[in-house]
Amino acid sequence: MSKHAFQDLYPDNLSHCFGCGKNHAEGHQIKSFWQNIDIENVVNSTTIAHHLPDEKYTAIPGFVYGGMIASLIDCHGTGSAAAIAHLSQDREIGSLPALRFVTGSLNVKYLAPTPQGVELELIGRFSEIKARKVVVDITLSANDVVCVKGQVIAVLMPESMTP
């Protein structure tokens, strides 16, 4: 498993995302990694990310703003999709041609208030892996409590979006 975050291995021309782009200085800088790789059945692989949201991302004092949470799930989901697509093709992430995914659908279910000031953990699991579409189910936890569940339907980025 690579010690590098998936997002850090994206080509520079595809690294401007507000949530996870290494070239977006004011962005969240989300970093996703493999938690577990199952080579024999890639759908059983899992991803992980940790993030401590800045205190400016609050709606109610002491709690993380829901939009911030949605962006974490979104970016961890698309990063996980890129990683599993590369793994499914027996390729290293970052190899060319780049396999970048964008959000086709985002579903977020808020289960409990998400406290501010603690590191959040996101775990991604795959429920569907196809060449142009990956479905990633994500849990977001704070202090070992699942606060949010989300699902990202990630689609392969069309060439028309490539700078």
N, C-alpha and C. Protein backbone atom coordinates (compact mmCIF):
# COMPACT_ATOMS: atom_id res chain seq x y z
N MET A 1 0.83 -1.18 0.00
CA MET A 1 0.00 0.00 0.00
C MET A 1 0.88 1.25 0.00
N SER A 2 0.46 2.20 -0.80
CA SER A 2 1.20 3.44 -0.91
C SER A 2 1.07 4.28 0.35
N LYS A 3 2.13 4.97 0.69
CA LYS A 3 2.11 5.89 1.82
C LYS A 3 1.57 7.25 1.39
N HIS A 4 1.31 7.39 0.09
CA HIS A 4 0.83 8.65 -0.45
C HIS A 4 -0.69 8.65 -0.53
N ALA A 5 -1.29 9.80 -0.24
CA ALA A 5 -2.72 9.94 -0.40
C ALA A 5 -3.08 9.83 -1.87
N PHE A 6 -4.26 9.27 -2.15
CA PHE A 6 -4.71 9.15 -3.54
C PHE A 6 -4.63 10.50 -4.24
N GLN A 7 -5.12 11.53 -3.57
CA GLN A 7 -5.21 12.86 -4.16
C GLN A 7 -3.83 13.44 -4.49
N ASP A 8 -2.82 13.06 -3.75
CA ASP A 8 -1.47 13.56 -4.01
C ASP A 8 -0.85 12.93 -5.26
N LEU A 9 -1.46 11.86 -5.75
CA LEU A 9 -0.95 11.17 -6.93
C LEU A 9 -1.68 11.57 -8.21
N TYR A 10 -2.70 12.43 -8.09
CA TYR A 10 -3.38 12.91 -9.29
C TYR A 10 -2.43 13.78 -10.10
N PRO A 11 -2.55 13.76 -11.42
CA PRO A 11 -1.74 14.68 -12.24
C PRO A 11 -2.05 16.13 -11.87
N ASP A 12 -1.06 17.00 -11.99
CA ASP A 12 -1.23 18.40 -11.59
C ASP A 12 -2.40 19.09 -12.28
N ASN A 13 -2.66 18.78 -13.54
CA ASN A 13 -3.75 19.45 -14.23
C ASN A 13 -5.13 18.99 -13.75
N LEU A 14 -5.17 17.95 -12.90
CA LEU A 14 -6.43 17.43 -12.37
C LEU A 14 -6.46 17.53 -10.84
N SER A 15 -5.79 18.49 -10.27
CA SER A 15 -5.64 18.57 -8.81
C SER A 15 -6.08 19.92 -8.25
N HIS A 16 -7.20 20.47 -8.76
CA HIS A 16 -7.65 21.78 -8.31
C HIS A 16 -8.96 21.72 -7.51
N CYS A 17 -9.44 20.56 -7.18
CA CYS A 17 -10.70 20.42 -6.45
C CYS A 17 -10.63 21.16 -5.11
N PHE A 18 -11.69 21.87 -4.76
CA PHE A 18 -11.71 22.59 -3.48
C PHE A 18 -11.58 21.63 -2.30
N GLY A 19 -12.21 20.47 -2.39
CA GLY A 19 -12.18 19.54 -1.27
C GLY A 19 -10.89 18.77 -1.13
N CYS A 20 -10.33 18.34 -2.26
CA CYS A 20 -9.19 17.43 -2.15
C CYS A 20 -8.00 17.79 -3.03
N GLY A 21 -8.08 18.86 -3.77
CA GLY A 21 -7.00 19.16 -4.70
C GLY A 21 -5.74 19.66 -4.02
N LYS A 22 -4.63 19.01 -4.33
CA LYS A 22 -3.35 19.43 -3.74
C LYS A 22 -2.94 20.81 -4.23
N ASN A 23 -3.50 21.25 -5.36
CA ASN A 23 -3.15 22.55 -5.91
C ASN A 23 -4.15 23.65 -5.55
N HIS A 24 -5.06 23.36 -4.64
CA HIS A 24 -6.03 24.37 -4.20
C HIS A 24 -5.64 24.79 -2.79
N ALA A 25 -4.87 25.86 -2.71
CA ALA A 25 -4.28 26.30 -1.43
C ALA A 25 -5.32 26.61 -0.36
N GLU A 26 -6.51 27.04 -0.74
CA GLU A 26 -7.53 27.40 0.24
C GLU A 26 -8.52 26.27 0.49
N GLY A 27 -8.33 25.14 -0.19
CA GLY A 27 -9.27 24.03 -0.06
C GLY A 27 -9.07 23.22 1.21
N HIS A 28 -9.87 22.17 1.33
CA HIS A 28 -9.84 21.31 2.52
C HIS A 28 -8.62 20.40 2.59
N GLN A 29 -8.03 20.09 1.45
CA GLN A 29 -6.86 19.21 1.38
C GLN A 29 -7.14 17.81 1.97
N ILE A 30 -8.29 17.25 1.65
CA ILE A 30 -8.66 15.91 2.11
C ILE A 30 -7.66 14.89 1.56
N LYS A 31 -7.28 13.95 2.39
CA LYS A 31 -6.31 12.92 2.01
C LYS A 31 -6.90 11.54 2.28
N SER A 32 -7.04 10.74 1.24
CA SER A 32 -7.62 9.40 1.34
C SER A 32 -6.54 8.35 1.10
N PHE A 33 -6.66 7.24 1.81
CA PHE A 33 -5.69 6.15 1.74
C PHE A 33 -6.43 4.82 1.72
N TRP A 34 -5.69 3.77 1.35
CA TRP A 34 -6.21 2.42 1.51
C TRP A 34 -6.22 2.08 2.99
N GLN A 35 -7.32 1.53 3.45
CA GLN A 35 -7.37 0.94 4.79
C GLN A 35 -7.09 -0.56 4.66
N ASN A 36 -7.66 -1.15 3.62
CA ASN A 36 -7.51 -2.58 3.36
C ASN A 36 -7.63 -2.81 1.86
N ILE A 37 -6.74 -3.61 1.31
CA ILE A 37 -6.84 -3.99 -0.11
C ILE A 37 -7.05 -5.50 -0.18
N ASP A 38 -8.12 -5.89 -0.88
CA ASP A 38 -8.39 -7.31 -1.13
C ASP A 38 -8.21 -7.55 -2.63
N ILE A 39 -7.04 -8.03 -3.00
CA ILE A 39 -6.70 -8.23 -4.42
C ILE A 39 -7.62 -9.26 -5.07
N GLU A 40 -8.01 -10.29 -4.33
CA GLU A 40 -8.82 -11.35 -4.90
C GLU A 40 -10.27 -10.93 -5.12
N ASN A 41 -10.76 -10.01 -4.32
CA ASN A 41 -12.13 -9.50 -4.47
C ASN A 41 -12.11 -8.02 -4.13
N VAL A 42 -11.77 -7.18 -5.12
CA VAL A 42 -11.51 -5.76 -4.87
C VAL A 42 -12.69 -5.04 -4.22
N VAL A 43 -13.92 -5.54 -4.42
CA VAL A 43 -15.08 -4.90 -3.81
C VAL A 43 -14.99 -4.92 -2.28
N ASN A 44 -14.21 -5.82 -1.73
CA ASN A 44 -14.04 -5.90 -0.27
C ASN A 44 -12.97 -4.95 0.26
N SER A 45 -12.30 -4.24 -0.61
CA SER A 45 -11.29 -3.26 -0.18
C SER A 45 -11.97 -2.08 0.49
N THR A 46 -11.25 -1.41 1.38
CA THR A 46 -11.80 -0.23 2.07
C THR A 46 -10.79 0.90 2.04
N THR A 47 -11.32 2.12 2.16
CA THR A 47 -10.49 3.31 2.18
C THR A 47 -10.74 4.09 3.47
N ILE A 48 -9.81 4.98 3.79
CA ILE A 48 -9.93 5.74 5.03
C ILE A 48 -9.38 7.16 4.82
N ALA A 49 -9.97 8.09 5.50
CA ALA A 49 -9.47 9.46 5.52
C ALA A 49 -9.74 10.03 6.90
N HIS A 50 -8.89 10.91 7.34
CA HIS A 50 -9.07 11.64 8.59
C HIS A 50 -9.01 13.12 8.27
N HIS A 51 -9.87 13.87 8.94
CA HIS A 51 -9.89 15.31 8.68
C HIS A 51 -10.38 16.05 9.93
N LEU A 52 -9.70 17.13 10.23
CA LEU A 52 -10.09 18.01 11.33
C LEU A 52 -10.57 19.31 10.71
N PRO A 53 -11.90 19.50 10.61
CA PRO A 53 -12.41 20.71 9.97
C PRO A 53 -12.05 21.97 10.75
N ASP A 54 -11.72 23.00 10.01
CA ASP A 54 -11.45 24.30 10.61
C ASP A 54 -12.71 24.76 11.34
N GLU A 55 -12.54 25.48 12.42
CA GLU A 55 -13.69 25.93 13.21
C GLU A 55 -14.62 26.86 12.47
N LYS A 56 -14.17 27.42 11.33
CA LYS A 56 -15.06 28.28 10.56
C LYS A 56 -16.18 27.48 9.90
N TYR A 57 -16.06 26.16 9.83
CA TYR A 57 -17.08 25.33 9.21
C TYR A 57 -18.08 24.86 10.26
N THR A 58 -18.81 25.80 10.81
CA THR A 58 -19.82 25.50 11.82
C THR A 58 -21.11 26.23 11.46
N ALA A 59 -22.22 25.65 11.84
CA ALA A 59 -23.52 26.30 11.68
C ALA A 59 -24.08 26.60 13.06
N ILE A 60 -23.93 25.65 13.96
CA ILE A 60 -24.33 25.80 15.36
C ILE A 60 -23.04 25.67 16.16
N PRO A 61 -22.75 26.62 17.04
CA PRO A 61 -21.48 26.54 17.79
C PRO A 61 -21.25 25.15 18.39
N GLY A 62 -20.06 24.63 18.13
CA GLY A 62 -19.67 23.32 18.65
C GLY A 62 -19.92 22.16 17.71
N PHE A 63 -20.53 22.43 16.55
CA PHE A 63 -20.87 21.35 15.62
C PHE A 63 -20.47 21.71 14.20
N VAL A 64 -20.08 20.68 13.43
CA VAL A 64 -19.63 20.88 12.06
C VAL A 64 -20.84 21.14 11.15
N TYR A 65 -20.67 22.11 10.27
CA TYR A 65 -21.65 22.49 9.26
C TYR A 65 -21.91 21.31 8.32
N GLY A 66 -23.18 21.03 8.04
CA GLY A 66 -23.57 19.89 7.20
C GLY A 66 -22.99 19.92 5.81
N GLY A 67 -22.84 21.11 5.23
CA GLY A 67 -22.25 21.22 3.89
C GLY A 67 -20.80 20.79 3.87
N MET A 68 -20.09 21.09 4.95
CA MET A 68 -18.70 20.66 5.07
C MET A 68 -18.64 19.12 5.11
N ILE A 69 -19.54 18.54 5.86
CA ILE A 69 -19.60 17.08 5.97
C ILE A 69 -19.88 16.47 4.59
N ALA A 70 -20.83 17.06 3.87
CA ALA A 70 -21.15 16.55 2.53
C ALA A 70 -19.94 16.63 1.60
N SER A 71 -19.17 17.72 1.71
CA SER A 71 -17.99 17.84 0.84
C SER A 71 -16.93 16.81 1.20
N LEU A 72 -16.78 16.47 2.48
CA LEU A 72 -15.84 15.43 2.87
C LEU A 72 -16.24 14.08 2.28
N ILE A 73 -17.52 13.76 2.38
CA ILE A 73 -18.02 12.50 1.83
C ILE A 73 -17.86 12.48 0.32
N ASP A 74 -18.19 13.58 -0.32
CA ASP A 74 -18.06 13.70 -1.77
C ASP A 74 -16.62 13.43 -2.22
N CYS A 75 -15.68 14.15 -1.63
CA CYS A 75 -14.28 14.03 -2.08
C CYS A 75 -13.64 12.70 -1.68
N HIS A 76 -13.98 12.18 -0.51
CA HIS A 76 -13.45 10.86 -0.16
C HIS A 76 -14.03 9.80 -1.10
N GLY A 77 -15.29 9.98 -1.48
CA GLY A 77 -15.93 9.03 -2.40
C GLY A 77 -15.32 9.03 -3.78
N THR A 78 -15.09 10.22 -4.35
CA THR A 78 -14.52 10.26 -5.70
C THR A 78 -13.05 9.82 -5.69
N GLY A 79 -12.34 10.15 -4.62
CA GLY A 79 -10.95 9.69 -4.51
C GLY A 79 -10.88 8.17 -4.37
N SER A 80 -11.80 7.61 -3.59
CA SER A 80 -11.87 6.16 -3.44
C SER A 80 -12.22 5.49 -4.76
N ALA A 81 -13.11 6.11 -5.51
CA ALA A 81 -13.50 5.56 -6.82
C ALA A 81 -12.29 5.52 -7.75
N ALA A 82 -11.50 6.58 -7.78
CA ALA A 82 -10.30 6.60 -8.63
C ALA A 82 -9.33 5.49 -8.21
N ALA A 83 -9.18 5.33 -6.91
CA ALA A 83 -8.24 4.31 -6.42
C ALA A 83 -8.69 2.90 -6.78
N ILE A 84 -9.98 2.61 -6.60
CA ILE A 84 -10.46 1.25 -6.89
C ILE A 84 -10.47 0.99 -8.40
N ALA A 85 -10.70 2.03 -9.20
CA ALA A 85 -10.66 1.86 -10.65
C ALA A 85 -9.24 1.47 -11.10
N HIS A 86 -8.25 2.14 -10.52
CA HIS A 86 -6.86 1.78 -10.84
C HIS A 86 -6.56 0.35 -10.38
N LEU A 87 -6.96 0.03 -9.15
CA LEU A 87 -6.71 -1.31 -8.61
C LEU A 87 -7.38 -2.37 -9.48
N SER A 88 -8.60 -2.11 -9.92
CA SER A 88 -9.34 -3.06 -10.76
C SER A 88 -8.64 -3.32 -12.09
N GLN A 89 -7.89 -2.32 -12.55
CA GLN A 89 -7.14 -2.47 -13.81
C GLN A 89 -5.69 -2.86 -13.55
N ASP A 90 -5.38 -3.21 -12.30
CA ASP A 90 -4.02 -3.60 -11.91
C ASP A 90 -3.01 -2.51 -12.28
N ARG A 91 -3.40 -1.25 -11.97
CA ARG A 91 -2.55 -0.09 -12.27
C ARG A 91 -2.32 0.69 -10.98
N GLU A 92 -1.22 1.38 -10.94
CA GLU A 92 -0.93 2.28 -9.83
C GLU A 92 -1.73 3.56 -10.01
N ILE A 93 -2.26 4.09 -8.92
CA ILE A 93 -2.93 5.38 -9.02
C ILE A 93 -1.88 6.42 -9.36
N GLY A 94 -2.24 7.29 -10.27
CA GLY A 94 -1.29 8.27 -10.77
C GLY A 94 -0.72 7.88 -12.12
N SER A 95 -0.89 6.60 -12.51
CA SER A 95 -0.42 6.19 -13.84
C SER A 95 -1.35 6.78 -14.90
N LEU A 96 -0.80 6.92 -16.09
CA LEU A 96 -1.56 7.53 -17.18
C LEU A 96 -2.08 6.48 -18.14
N PRO A 97 -3.23 6.66 -18.72
CA PRO A 97 -4.07 7.84 -18.57
C PRO A 97 -4.74 7.86 -17.20
N ALA A 98 -4.91 9.06 -16.68
CA ALA A 98 -5.50 9.23 -15.36
C ALA A 98 -6.96 8.79 -15.35
N LEU A 99 -7.34 8.14 -14.28
CA LEU A 99 -8.73 7.76 -14.06
C LEU A 99 -9.26 8.66 -12.93
N ARG A 100 -9.92 9.73 -13.30
CA ARG A 100 -10.50 10.66 -12.33
C ARG A 100 -12.00 10.53 -12.38
N PHE A 101 -12.61 10.61 -11.23
CA PHE A 101 -14.06 10.47 -11.13
C PHE A 101 -14.67 11.75 -10.58
N VAL A 102 -15.90 12.03 -11.02
CA VAL A 102 -16.68 13.16 -10.53
C VAL A 102 -17.99 12.62 -9.96
N THR A 103 -18.67 13.47 -9.25
CA THR A 103 -19.89 13.05 -8.57
C THR A 103 -21.06 13.02 -9.54
N GLY A 104 -21.67 11.83 -9.65
CA GLY A 104 -22.90 11.68 -10.41
C GLY A 104 -24.10 11.85 -9.49
N SER A 105 -23.94 11.42 -8.23
CA SER A 105 -25.00 11.53 -7.24
C SER A 105 -24.36 11.50 -5.86
N LEU A 106 -24.93 12.27 -4.96
CA LEU A 106 -24.44 12.32 -3.57
C LEU A 106 -25.65 12.24 -2.65
N ASN A 107 -25.65 11.25 -1.78
CA ASN A 107 -26.72 11.09 -0.81
C ASN A 107 -26.10 11.11 0.58
N VAL A 108 -26.58 11.99 1.44
CA VAL A 108 -26.02 12.14 2.77
C VAL A 108 -27.14 12.02 3.80
N LYS A 109 -26.94 11.14 4.79
CA LYS A 109 -27.90 10.97 5.89
C LYS A 109 -27.21 11.35 7.19
N TYR A 110 -27.72 12.39 7.81
CA TYR A 110 -27.17 12.88 9.08
C TYR A 110 -27.85 12.11 10.21
N LEU A 111 -27.06 11.34 10.96
CA LEU A 111 -27.59 10.48 12.00
C LEU A 111 -27.44 11.06 13.40
N ALA A 112 -26.41 11.84 13.60
CA ALA A 112 -26.13 12.44 14.92
C ALA A 112 -25.35 13.72 14.69
N PRO A 113 -25.46 14.68 15.59
CA PRO A 113 -24.65 15.90 15.45
C PRO A 113 -23.17 15.55 15.40
N THR A 114 -22.44 16.22 14.53
CA THR A 114 -21.00 15.99 14.38
C THR A 114 -20.26 17.08 15.14
N PRO A 115 -19.56 16.69 16.21
CA PRO A 115 -18.90 17.71 17.05
C PRO A 115 -17.72 18.37 16.35
N GLN A 116 -17.55 19.63 16.62
CA GLN A 116 -16.42 20.41 16.13
C GLN A 116 -15.21 20.15 17.03
N GLY A 117 -14.01 20.29 16.49
CA GLY A 117 -12.80 20.20 17.29
C GLY A 117 -12.25 18.80 17.50
N VAL A 118 -12.83 17.81 16.81
CA VAL A 118 -12.29 16.45 16.89
C VAL A 118 -12.01 15.96 15.48
N GLU A 119 -11.03 15.08 15.36
CA GLU A 119 -10.71 14.52 14.04
C GLU A 119 -11.84 13.60 13.60
N LEU A 120 -12.27 13.80 12.38
CA LEU A 120 -13.32 12.97 11.80
C LEU A 120 -12.69 11.84 11.00
N GLU A 121 -13.32 10.68 11.02
CA GLU A 121 -12.83 9.53 10.27
C GLU A 121 -13.87 9.13 9.25
N LEU A 122 -13.42 8.96 8.01
CA LEU A 122 -14.28 8.51 6.92
C LEU A 122 -13.80 7.15 6.45
N ILE A 123 -14.73 6.21 6.35
CA ILE A 123 -14.43 4.87 5.85
C ILE A 123 -15.27 4.65 4.60
N GLY A 124 -14.61 4.26 3.51
CA GLY A 124 -15.30 3.99 2.25
C GLY A 124 -15.33 2.50 1.95
N ARG A 125 -16.51 2.03 1.55
CA ARG A 125 -16.72 0.65 1.13
C ARG A 125 -17.39 0.68 -0.24
N PHE A 126 -17.11 -0.31 -1.05
CA PHE A 126 -17.58 -0.31 -2.43
C PHE A 126 -18.76 -1.25 -2.59
N SER A 127 -19.85 -0.73 -3.16
CA SER A 127 -21.00 -1.60 -3.43
C SER A 127 -21.18 -1.88 -4.92
N GLU A 128 -20.47 -1.13 -5.77
CA GLU A 128 -20.50 -1.41 -7.21
C GLU A 128 -19.24 -0.84 -7.84
N ILE A 129 -18.62 -1.64 -8.69
CA ILE A 129 -17.42 -1.19 -9.41
C ILE A 129 -17.56 -1.58 -10.87
N LYS A 130 -17.67 -0.56 -11.71
CA LYS A 130 -17.72 -0.75 -13.16
C LYS A 130 -16.69 0.18 -13.77
N ALA A 131 -16.43 0.01 -15.04
CA ALA A 131 -15.38 0.80 -15.70
C ALA A 131 -15.65 2.30 -15.62
N ARG A 132 -16.91 2.72 -15.76
CA ARG A 132 -17.22 4.15 -15.80
C ARG A 132 -18.04 4.62 -14.60
N LYS A 133 -18.35 3.71 -13.67
CA LYS A 133 -19.18 4.06 -12.52
C LYS A 133 -18.76 3.24 -11.30
N VAL A 134 -18.59 3.94 -10.18
CA VAL A 134 -18.25 3.29 -8.92
C VAL A 134 -19.19 3.84 -7.85
N VAL A 135 -19.77 2.94 -7.06
CA VAL A 135 -20.63 3.35 -5.95
C VAL A 135 -19.86 3.10 -4.66
N VAL A 136 -19.70 4.18 -3.88
CA VAL A 136 -18.94 4.12 -2.63
C VAL A 136 -19.88 4.50 -1.48
N ASP A 137 -19.96 3.63 -0.49
CA ASP A 137 -20.72 3.90 0.72
C ASP A 137 -19.74 4.35 1.79
N ILE A 138 -20.07 5.46 2.44
CA ILE A 138 -19.12 6.08 3.36
C ILE A 138 -19.78 6.32 4.71
N THR A 139 -19.04 6.01 5.77
CA THR A 139 -19.45 6.40 7.11
C THR A 139 -18.48 7.46 7.61
N LEU A 140 -19.03 8.45 8.29
CA LEU A 140 -18.23 9.49 8.92
C LEU A 140 -18.46 9.39 10.41
N SER A 141 -17.37 9.24 11.15
CA SER A 141 -17.44 9.07 12.60
C SER A 141 -16.64 10.16 13.31
N ALA A 142 -17.11 10.50 14.50
CA ALA A 142 -16.40 11.39 15.41
C ALA A 142 -16.39 10.74 16.78
N ASN A 143 -15.22 10.62 17.38
CA ASN A 143 -15.11 9.97 18.70
C ASN A 143 -15.74 8.58 18.69
N ASP A 144 -15.52 7.83 17.61
CA ASP A 144 -16.03 6.46 17.44
C ASP A 144 -17.55 6.36 17.36
N VAL A 145 -18.23 7.45 17.09
CA VAL A 145 -19.68 7.45 16.91
C VAL A 145 -19.96 7.77 15.44
N VAL A 146 -20.73 6.91 14.77
CA VAL A 146 -21.11 7.18 13.39
C VAL A 146 -22.13 8.32 13.40
N CYS A 147 -21.73 9.42 12.81
CA CYS A 147 -22.59 10.62 12.76
C CYS A 147 -23.31 10.75 11.43
N VAL A 148 -22.70 10.26 10.36
CA VAL A 148 -23.23 10.46 9.02
C VAL A 148 -22.94 9.23 8.16
N LYS A 149 -23.90 8.88 7.32
CA LYS A 149 -23.70 7.87 6.29
C LYS A 149 -23.96 8.53 4.96
N GLY A 150 -23.13 8.22 4.00
CA GLY A 150 -23.31 8.80 2.68
C GLY A 150 -23.05 7.78 1.60
N GLN A 151 -23.53 8.11 0.42
CA GLN A 151 -23.24 7.28 -0.75
C GLN A 151 -22.90 8.21 -1.91
N VAL A 152 -21.81 7.90 -2.56
CA VAL A 152 -21.38 8.64 -3.74
C VAL A 152 -21.45 7.72 -4.93
N ILE A 153 -22.19 8.14 -5.94
CA ILE A 153 -22.13 7.47 -7.23
C ILE A 153 -21.17 8.30 -8.05
N ALA A 154 -20.00 7.74 -8.26
CA ALA A 154 -18.92 8.44 -8.95
C ALA A 154 -18.86 7.95 -10.40
N VAL A 155 -18.73 8.89 -11.31
CA VAL A 155 -18.65 8.54 -12.73
C VAL A 155 -17.31 9.01 -13.28
N LEU A 156 -16.79 8.25 -14.21
CA LEU A 156 -15.52 8.60 -14.83
C LEU A 156 -15.63 9.98 -15.45
N MET A 157 -14.67 10.83 -15.14
CA MET A 157 -14.69 12.21 -15.62
C MET A 157 -14.61 12.22 -17.14
N PRO A 158 -15.56 12.91 -17.78
CA PRO A 158 -15.50 12.96 -19.24
C PRO A 158 -14.31 13.77 -19.73
N GLU A 159 -13.82 13.42 -20.90
CA GLU A 159 -12.66 14.13 -21.45
C GLU A 159 -12.92 15.62 -21.62
N SER A 160 -14.19 15.99 -21.80
CA SER A 160 -14.54 17.41 -21.99
C SER A 160 -14.25 18.24 -20.73
N MET A 161 -14.06 17.59 -19.58
CA MET A 161 -13.74 18.31 -18.34
C MET A 161 -12.25 18.38 -18.09
N THR A 162 -11.47 17.69 -18.88
CA THR A 162 -10.01 17.68 -18.68
C THR A 162 -9.41 18.97 -19.21
N PRO A 163 -8.68 19.68 -18.32
CA PRO A 163 -8.06 20.94 -18.76
C PRO A 163 -6.92 20.70 -19.73
